[in-house]
């Protein structure tokens, strides 16, 4: 009887280990974009061109983890002078803080699809909790390279002042909407 119980437990643990899948972000199709109100007149947008990371998902166990690193100096506002200003001490201070990081190990699922990830965003040396909404999660075979791929649209809104980015408040909004199209290939 004891051997049967040990066998069932071992099979359950092995099943969980087999069900976990690891993915690497496709750096050509994962670009964090942000939106912020500018002086009450318009919504300005920028993006970061260099992002890397790993995602582990166990859809059967409804668990996972994510680690994403964003290169602060890769900010792209569409104009060189504006990019330089945003890299400076008033905003992303890319020289002192070359990366932003998001780490999460708590996922919420709807069936076998993740719908949220709770974790920590580290920006300007400040680590604070953030919940990312996950929409449109889908997996399949990439039609060109035939590799297994999962993708989703990620979003959240943060208050930049909570990370110490206070320049031009309140004229330039405190609320920043972040949207990230994510594609990740199975390792």
C-alpha atoms as a PDB file:
ATOM      1  CA  UNK A   1       0.000   0.000   0.000  1.00  0.00           C
ATOM      2  CA  UNK A   2       2.855   2.351   0.885  1.00  0.00           C
ATOM      3  CA  UNK A   3       4.485   1.711  -2.520  1.00  0.00           C
ATOM      4  CA  UNK A   4       1.198   2.539  -4.276  1.00  0.00           C
ATOM      5  CA  UNK A   5       0.928   5.866  -2.416  1.00  0.00           C
ATOM      6  CA  UNK A   6       4.543   6.723  -3.238  1.00  0.00           C
ATOM      7  CA  UNK A   7       3.921   5.776  -6.881  1.00  0.00           C
ATOM      8  CA  UNK A   8       0.828   8.013  -7.097  1.00  0.00           C
ATOM      9  CA  UNK A   9       2.674  10.943  -5.528  1.00  0.00           C
ATOM     10  CA  UNK A  10       5.677  10.440  -7.831  1.00  0.00           C
ATOM     11  CA  UNK A  11       3.401  10.253 -10.876  1.00  0.00           C
ATOM     12  CA  UNK A  12       1.609  13.431  -9.838  1.00  0.00           C
ATOM     13  CA  UNK A  13       4.896  15.265  -9.356  1.00  0.00           C
ATOM     14  CA  UNK A  14       6.263  13.956 -12.639  1.00  0.00           C
ATOM     15  CA  UNK A  15       3.065  15.016 -14.399  1.00  0.00           C
ATOM     16  CA  UNK A  16       3.465  18.553 -13.040  1.00  0.00           C
ATOM     17  CA  UNK A  17       7.092  18.682 -14.082  1.00  0.00           C
ATOM     18  CA  UNK A  18       6.254  17.507 -17.587  1.00  0.00           C
ATOM     19  CA  UNK A  19       3.351  19.971 -17.883  1.00  0.00           C
ATOM     20  CA  UNK A  20       5.561  23.018 -17.158  1.00  0.00           C
ATOM     21  CA  UNK A  21       6.744  24.710 -20.334  1.00  0.00           C
ATOM     22  CA  UNK A  22       9.466  27.327 -20.659  1.00  0.00           C
ATOM     23  CA  UNK A  23       9.431  30.070 -23.279  1.00  0.00           C
ATOM     24  CA  UNK A  24      11.913  32.727 -24.401  1.00  0.00           C
ATOM     25  CA  UNK A  25      10.610  36.113 -25.509  1.00  0.00           C
ATOM     26  CA  UNK A  26      10.888  36.788 -29.225  1.00  0.00           C
ATOM     27  CA  UNK A  27      12.851  40.039 -29.117  1.00  0.00           C
ATOM     28  CA  UNK A  28      11.640  40.980 -32.612  1.00  0.00           C
ATOM     29  CA  UNK A  29       7.977  40.900 -31.610  1.00  0.00           C
ATOM     30  CA  UNK A  30       7.937  42.017 -27.956  1.00  0.00           C
ATOM     31  CA  UNK A  31       8.073  45.802 -27.598  1.00  0.00           C
ATOM     32  CA  UNK A  32       6.742  47.501 -24.456  1.00  0.00           C
ATOM     33  CA  UNK A  33       4.754  50.584 -25.446  1.00  0.00           C
ATOM     34  CA  UNK A  34       3.642  53.311 -23.054  1.00  0.00           C
ATOM     35  CA  UNK A  35       1.044  56.057 -23.308  1.00  0.00           C
ATOM     36  CA  UNK A  36       0.877  59.231 -21.247  1.00  0.00           C
ATOM     37  CA  UNK A  37      -1.223  62.381 -21.393  1.00  0.00           C
ATOM     38  CA  UNK A  38       0.868  65.400 -22.395  1.00  0.00           C
ATOM     39  CA  UNK A  39      -0.210  68.738 -20.929  1.00  0.00           C
ATOM     40  CA  UNK A  40      -3.874  67.762 -21.136  1.00  0.00           C
ATOM     41  CA  UNK A  41      -3.755  67.987 -24.926  1.00  0.00           C
ATOM     42  CA  UNK A  42      -2.703  64.659 -26.403  1.00  0.00           C
ATOM     43  CA  UNK A  43      -1.648  61.113 -25.667  1.00  0.00           C
ATOM     44  CA  UNK A  44       2.029  60.627 -26.363  1.00  0.00           C
ATOM     45  CA  UNK A  45       3.479  57.189 -27.001  1.00  0.00           C
ATOM     46  CA  UNK A  46       6.908  55.650 -26.806  1.00  0.00           C
ATOM     47  CA  UNK A  47       8.368  52.188 -26.853  1.00  0.00           C
ATOM     48  CA  UNK A  48      11.418  50.243 -25.803  1.00  0.00           C
ATOM     49  CA  UNK A  49      13.246  48.416 -28.572  1.00  0.00           C
ATOM     50  CA  UNK A  50      15.233  45.917 -26.476  1.00  0.00           C
ATOM     51  CA  UNK A  51      13.450  43.433 -24.239  1.00  0.00           C
ATOM     52  CA  UNK A  52      14.439  39.943 -23.147  1.00  0.00           C
ATOM     53  CA  UNK A  53      12.951  37.412 -20.832  1.00  0.00           C
ATOM     54  CA  UNK A  54      11.735  33.961 -19.884  1.00  0.00           C
ATOM     55  CA  UNK A  55       8.286  32.657 -19.065  1.00  0.00           C
ATOM     56  CA  UNK A  56       7.413  29.355 -17.436  1.00  0.00           C
ATOM     57  CA  UNK A  57       3.832  28.128 -17.558  1.00  0.00           C
ATOM     58  CA  UNK A  58       2.181  25.063 -16.131  1.00  0.00           C
ATOM     59  CA  UNK A  59      -1.363  25.385 -17.418  1.00  0.00           C
ATOM     60  CA  UNK A  60      -2.492  22.158 -15.750  1.00  0.00           C
ATOM     61  CA  UNK A  61      -1.303  23.343 -12.325  1.00  0.00           C
ATOM     62  CA  UNK A  62      -2.353  26.950 -13.078  1.00  0.00           C
ATOM     63  CA  UNK A  63       1.046  28.331 -12.145  1.00  0.00           C
ATOM     64  CA  UNK A  64       3.977  30.051 -13.743  1.00  0.00           C
ATOM     65  CA  UNK A  65       6.702  32.629 -13.535  1.00  0.00           C
ATOM     66  CA  UNK A  66       8.062  35.412 -15.673  1.00  0.00           C
ATOM     67  CA  UNK A  67      11.273  37.438 -15.736  1.00  0.00           C
ATOM     68  CA  UNK A  68      11.548  40.327 -18.185  1.00  0.00           C
ATOM     69  CA  UNK A  69      14.368  42.814 -18.595  1.00  0.00           C
ATOM     70  CA  UNK A  70      13.867  46.047 -20.564  1.00  0.00           C
ATOM     71  CA  UNK A  71      16.836  48.120 -21.741  1.00  0.00           C
ATOM     72  CA  UNK A  72      16.057  51.672 -20.540  1.00  0.00           C
ATOM     73  CA  UNK A  73      18.341  53.255 -23.137  1.00  0.00           C
ATOM     74  CA  UNK A  74      16.386  51.577 -25.947  1.00  0.00           C
ATOM     75  CA  UNK A  75      13.531  54.073 -25.514  1.00  0.00           C
ATOM     76  CA  UNK A  76      12.169  55.233 -28.855  1.00  0.00           C
ATOM     77  CA  UNK A  77       9.975  58.346 -28.999  1.00  0.00           C
ATOM     78  CA  UNK A  78      10.524  58.834 -32.731  1.00  0.00           C
ATOM     79  CA  UNK A  79      12.939  61.786 -32.411  1.00  0.00           C
ATOM     80  CA  UNK A  80      16.605  61.554 -31.382  1.00  0.00           C
ATOM     81  CA  UNK A  81      16.488  64.636 -29.130  1.00  0.00           C
ATOM     82  CA  UNK A  82      13.336  63.424 -27.398  1.00  0.00           C
ATOM     83  CA  UNK A  83      14.912  59.971 -26.884  1.00  0.00           C
ATOM     84  CA  UNK A  84      17.975  61.634 -25.318  1.00  0.00           C
ATOM     85  CA  UNK A  85      15.752  63.698 -22.991  1.00  0.00           C
ATOM     86  CA  UNK A  86      13.792  60.598 -21.900  1.00  0.00           C
ATOM     87  CA  UNK A  87      17.053  58.683 -21.209  1.00  0.00           C
ATOM     88  CA  UNK A  88      18.217  61.500 -18.929  1.00  0.00           C
ATOM     89  CA  UNK A  89      17.904  62.047 -15.180  1.00  0.00           C
ATOM     90  CA  UNK A  90      14.438  63.649 -15.450  1.00  0.00           C
ATOM     91  CA  UNK A  91      12.872  60.409 -16.632  1.00  0.00           C
ATOM     92  CA  UNK A  92      14.469  56.957 -17.099  1.00  0.00           C
ATOM     93  CA  UNK A  93      18.005  57.899 -16.005  1.00  0.00           C
ATOM     94  CA  UNK A  94      19.334  55.128 -18.237  1.00  0.00           C
ATOM     95  CA  UNK A  95      22.953  55.733 -17.334  1.00  0.00           C
ATOM     96  CA  UNK A  96      22.384  55.006 -13.636  1.00  0.00           C
ATOM     97  CA  UNK A  97      19.531  52.511 -14.159  1.00  0.00           C
ATOM     98  CA  UNK A  98      20.218  50.695 -17.445  1.00  0.00           C
ATOM     99  CA  UNK A  99      17.391  48.182 -17.038  1.00  0.00           C
ATOM    100  CA  UNK A 100      13.833  47.888 -15.819  1.00  0.00           C
ATOM    101  CA  UNK A 101      12.780  44.469 -14.577  1.00  0.00           C
ATOM    102  CA  UNK A 102       9.502  42.688 -14.056  1.00  0.00           C
ATOM    103  CA  UNK A 103       9.344  39.429 -12.113  1.00  0.00           C
ATOM    104  CA  UNK A 104       6.224  37.483 -11.257  1.00  0.00           C
ATOM    105  CA  UNK A 105       5.438  34.066  -9.868  1.00  0.00           C
ATOM    106  CA  UNK A 106       1.709  34.380  -9.291  1.00  0.00           C
ATOM    107  CA  UNK A 107      -0.648  33.897 -12.217  1.00  0.00           C
ATOM    108  CA  UNK A 108      -4.430  33.940 -12.382  1.00  0.00           C
ATOM    109  CA  UNK A 109      -6.067  31.617 -14.900  1.00  0.00           C
ATOM    110  CA  UNK A 110      -9.397  31.322 -16.659  1.00  0.00           C
ATOM    111  CA  UNK A 111      -9.470  27.642 -17.539  1.00  0.00           C
ATOM    112  CA  UNK A 112      -6.015  26.849 -18.918  1.00  0.00           C
ATOM    113  CA  UNK A 113      -5.318  30.436 -20.041  1.00  0.00           C
ATOM    114  CA  UNK A 114      -3.443  32.945 -17.893  1.00  0.00           C
ATOM    115  CA  UNK A 115      -5.373  36.229 -17.492  1.00  0.00           C
ATOM    116  CA  UNK A 116      -3.140  38.096 -15.012  1.00  0.00           C
ATOM    117  CA  UNK A 117       0.351  38.038 -13.514  1.00  0.00           C
ATOM    118  CA  UNK A 118       1.147  39.597 -10.141  1.00  0.00           C
ATOM    119  CA  UNK A 119       4.726  40.605  -9.600  1.00  0.00           C
ATOM    120  CA  UNK A 120       7.243  43.329  -9.011  1.00  0.00           C
ATOM    121  CA  UNK A 121       8.358  46.072 -11.383  1.00  0.00           C
ATOM    122  CA  UNK A 122      11.758  47.560 -10.631  1.00  0.00           C
ATOM    123  CA  UNK A 123      12.190  50.986 -12.217  1.00  0.00           C
ATOM    124  CA  UNK A 124      14.735  53.642 -11.216  1.00  0.00           C
ATOM    125  CA  UNK A 125      15.916  51.331  -8.443  1.00  0.00           C
ATOM    126  CA  UNK A 126      12.457  51.193  -6.846  1.00  0.00           C
ATOM    127  CA  UNK A 127      10.621  47.848  -6.659  1.00  0.00           C
ATOM    128  CA  UNK A 128       6.823  47.977  -6.388  1.00  0.00           C
ATOM    129  CA  UNK A 129       3.999  45.479  -6.948  1.00  0.00           C
ATOM    130  CA  UNK A 130       2.249  45.495 -10.324  1.00  0.00           C
ATOM    131  CA  UNK A 131      -0.513  43.335 -11.781  1.00  0.00           C
ATOM    132  CA  UNK A 132      -0.407  42.756 -15.519  1.00  0.00           C
ATOM    133  CA  UNK A 133      -3.603  41.915 -17.405  1.00  0.00           C
ATOM    134  CA  UNK A 134      -3.153  39.184 -20.006  1.00  0.00           C
ATOM    135  CA  UNK A 135      -5.533  39.223 -22.968  1.00  0.00           C
ATOM    136  CA  UNK A 136      -5.736  37.123 -26.102  1.00  0.00           C
ATOM    137  CA  UNK A 137      -3.459  34.361 -24.809  1.00  0.00           C
ATOM    138  CA  UNK A 138      -2.974  31.817 -27.559  1.00  0.00           C
ATOM    139  CA  UNK A 139      -0.479  29.101 -28.453  1.00  0.00           C
ATOM    140  CA  UNK A 140       0.257  27.343 -31.707  1.00  0.00           C
ATOM    141  CA  UNK A 141       2.861  26.697 -34.352  1.00  0.00           C
ATOM    142  CA  UNK A 142       4.505  29.720 -35.946  1.00  0.00           C
ATOM    143  CA  UNK A 143       3.536  29.603 -39.631  1.00  0.00           C
ATOM    144  CA  UNK A 144       6.991  30.580 -40.914  1.00  0.00           C
ATOM    145  CA  UNK A 145       9.589  28.912 -38.694  1.00  0.00           C
ATOM    146  CA  UNK A 146       7.306  26.067 -37.485  1.00  0.00           C
ATOM    147  CA  UNK A 147       8.322  26.529 -33.828  1.00  0.00           C
ATOM    148  CA  UNK A 148       5.884  26.295 -30.912  1.00  0.00           C
ATOM    149  CA  UNK A 149       4.836  29.786 -29.854  1.00  0.00           C
ATOM    150  CA  UNK A 150       2.611  31.413 -27.243  1.00  0.00           C
ATOM    151  CA  UNK A 151       1.510  35.034 -27.432  1.00  0.00           C
ATOM    152  CA  UNK A 152      -0.685  37.577 -25.673  1.00  0.00           C
ATOM    153  CA  UNK A 153      -1.372  41.257 -25.212  1.00  0.00           C
ATOM    154  CA  UNK A 154      -0.265  42.493 -21.805  1.00  0.00           C
ATOM    155  CA  UNK A 155      -1.387  45.748 -20.173  1.00  0.00           C
ATOM    156  CA  UNK A 156      -1.334  47.714 -16.937  1.00  0.00           C
ATOM    157  CA  UNK A 157      -1.475  51.279 -15.692  1.00  0.00           C
ATOM    158  CA  UNK A 158       0.998  52.632 -13.167  1.00  0.00           C
ATOM    159  CA  UNK A 159       1.626  55.938 -11.412  1.00  0.00           C
ATOM    160  CA  UNK A 160       5.121  56.999 -12.415  1.00  0.00           C
ATOM    161  CA  UNK A 161       5.550  59.056  -9.240  1.00  0.00           C
ATOM    162  CA  UNK A 162       5.478  55.833  -7.189  1.00  0.00           C
ATOM    163  CA  UNK A 163       8.844  54.959  -8.773  1.00  0.00           C
ATOM    164  CA  UNK A 164      10.247  58.464  -8.246  1.00  0.00           C
ATOM    165  CA  UNK A 165       9.631  59.773 -11.764  1.00  0.00           C
ATOM    166  CA  UNK A 166       8.044  63.114 -10.853  1.00  0.00           C
ATOM    167  CA  UNK A 167       9.309  65.576 -13.471  1.00  0.00           C
ATOM    168  CA  UNK A 168       6.580  67.835 -14.893  1.00  0.00           C
ATOM    169  CA  UNK A 169       3.802  66.507 -12.659  1.00  0.00           C
ATOM    170  CA  UNK A 170       0.872  67.139 -12.985  1.00  0.00           C
ATOM    171  CA  UNK A 171       1.172  68.726 -16.460  1.00  0.00           C
ATOM    172  CA  UNK A 172       2.531  65.442 -17.797  1.00  0.00           C
ATOM    173  CA  UNK A 173       0.232  62.816 -16.327  1.00  0.00           C
ATOM    174  CA  UNK A 174       1.153  60.613 -13.411  1.00  0.00           C
ATOM    175  CA  UNK A 175      -0.826  57.749 -14.963  1.00  0.00           C
ATOM    176  CA  UNK A 176       1.097  55.739 -17.534  1.00  0.00           C
ATOM    177  CA  UNK A 177      -0.600  53.015 -19.541  1.00  0.00           C
ATOM    178  CA  UNK A 178       1.706  50.194 -20.571  1.00  0.00           C
ATOM    179  CA  UNK A 179       0.862  47.800 -23.404  1.00  0.00           C
ATOM    180  CA  UNK A 180       3.082  44.954 -24.453  1.00  0.00           C
ATOM    181  CA  UNK A 181       2.514  42.626 -27.372  1.00  0.00           C
ATOM    182  CA  UNK A 182       4.313  39.444 -26.314  1.00  0.00           C
ATOM    183  CA  UNK A 183       5.414  36.528 -28.447  1.00  0.00           C
ATOM    184  CA  UNK A 184       7.535  33.774 -26.927  1.00  0.00           C
ATOM    185  CA  UNK A 185       8.967  30.604 -28.420  1.00  0.00           C
ATOM    186  CA  UNK A 186       8.920  27.335 -26.497  1.00  0.00           C
ATOM    187  CA  UNK A 187      12.422  26.323 -25.418  1.00  0.00           C
END
